[in-house]
Amino acid sequence: MNVVLTARHERFVANKVKSGAYASAEEVINEGLRLLEAEDARHRRMAWLGREIEKGFIGPTKPWSRRAVNRVRRLVRERNGVAT
């Protein structure tokens, strides 16, 4: 795949490599793509959380049991990719 960068982005990538933070332009681009993927995942988690909160507003209101609290914590950890 060939990608054409604007002059501004070419300078940005070159400066990252020149600074020693990255060994090559490919590493800079790969890091940018990794960050985009992470941002997409964050947006998905936030959307899920928003839906779950909305469910809470329209659902029955009663005190939470310890079991329910632990279940929600587990679900949040799973959605965030944290080992339980």
Protein backbone atom coordinates (compact mmCIF):
# COMPACT_ATOMS: atom_id res chain seq x y z
CA MET A 1 0.00 0.00 0.00
CA ASN A 2 1.26 3.45 -0.88
CA VAL A 3 0.16 6.46 1.10
CA VAL A 4 0.65 10.09 0.13
CA LEU A 5 1.15 12.46 3.04
CA THR A 6 0.76 16.21 3.07
CA ALA A 7 3.96 18.20 3.43
CA ARG A 8 2.98 19.00 7.02
CA HIS A 9 2.54 15.32 7.87
CA GLU A 10 5.79 14.41 6.12
CA ARG A 11 7.62 16.94 8.30
CA PHE A 12 5.84 15.64 11.39
CA VAL A 13 6.86 12.05 10.68
CA ALA A 14 10.42 13.06 9.80
CA ASN A 15 10.73 15.05 13.02
CA LYS A 16 9.52 12.07 15.09
CA VAL A 17 12.18 9.87 13.48
CA LYS A 18 14.84 12.59 13.80
CA SER A 19 14.05 13.00 17.51
CA GLY A 20 14.94 9.36 18.07
CA ALA A 21 11.49 8.52 19.40
CA TYR A 22 10.98 6.18 16.43
CA ALA A 23 13.43 4.25 14.29
CA SER A 24 11.54 4.73 11.03
CA ALA A 25 8.62 6.44 9.36
CA GLU A 26 6.85 3.08 9.35
CA GLU A 27 7.02 2.96 13.16
CA VAL A 28 5.47 6.44 13.38
CA ILE A 29 2.61 5.44 11.06
CA ASN A 30 2.06 2.16 12.92
CA GLU A 31 1.88 4.02 16.24
CA GLY A 32 -0.65 6.43 14.77
CA LEU A 33 -2.80 3.53 13.57
CA ARG A 34 -2.52 1.82 16.96
CA LEU A 35 -3.73 5.01 18.63
CA LEU A 36 -6.65 5.25 16.20
CA GLU A 37 -7.62 1.67 17.03
CA ALA A 38 -7.41 2.42 20.75
CA GLU A 39 -9.57 5.52 20.29
CA ASP A 40 -12.17 3.50 18.37
CA ALA A 41 -12.23 0.92 21.18
CA ARG A 42 -12.65 3.72 23.74
CA HIS A 43 -15.59 5.11 21.79
CA ARG A 44 -17.19 1.65 21.69
CA ARG A 45 -16.75 1.27 25.47
CA MET A 46 -18.21 4.71 26.12
CA ALA A 47 -21.20 3.95 23.87
CA TRP A 48 -21.76 0.65 25.71
CA LEU A 49 -21.53 2.44 29.06
CA GLY A 50 -24.01 5.06 27.88
CA ARG A 51 -26.46 2.34 26.85
CA GLU A 52 -26.03 0.60 30.20
CA ILE A 53 -26.62 3.86 32.08
CA GLU A 54 -29.72 4.53 30.00
CA LYS A 55 -31.01 1.05 30.86
CA GLY A 56 -30.56 1.94 34.51
CA PHE A 57 -32.65 5.08 34.13
CA ILE A 58 -35.55 3.25 32.50
CA GLY A 59 -35.32 0.07 34.56
CA PRO A 60 -36.79 -0.72 37.94
CA THR A 61 -35.36 1.13 40.89
CA LYS A 62 -34.32 -0.98 43.84
CA PRO A 63 -31.22 -1.21 45.99
CA TRP A 64 -28.28 -2.98 44.40
CA SER A 65 -27.26 -6.31 45.82
CA ARG A 66 -23.59 -7.12 46.37
CA ARG A 67 -23.95 -9.73 43.61
CA ALA A 68 -25.25 -7.12 41.14
CA VAL A 69 -22.43 -4.70 42.01
CA ASN A 70 -19.83 -7.42 41.47
CA ARG A 71 -21.45 -8.39 38.17
CA VAL A 72 -21.28 -4.82 36.87
CA ARG A 73 -17.66 -4.49 37.96
CA ARG A 74 -16.82 -7.74 36.17
CA LEU A 75 -18.60 -6.60 32.99
CA VAL A 76 -16.78 -3.28 33.01
CA ARG A 77 -13.41 -5.02 33.49
CA GLU A 78 -14.21 -7.42 30.63
CA ARG A 79 -15.25 -4.60 28.32
CA ASN A 80 -12.02 -2.75 29.16
CA GLY A 81 -9.91 -5.85 28.53
CA VAL A 82 -8.73 -6.10 32.14
CA ALA A 83 -8.07 -9.59 33.46
CA THR A 84 -10.38 -10.65 36.27
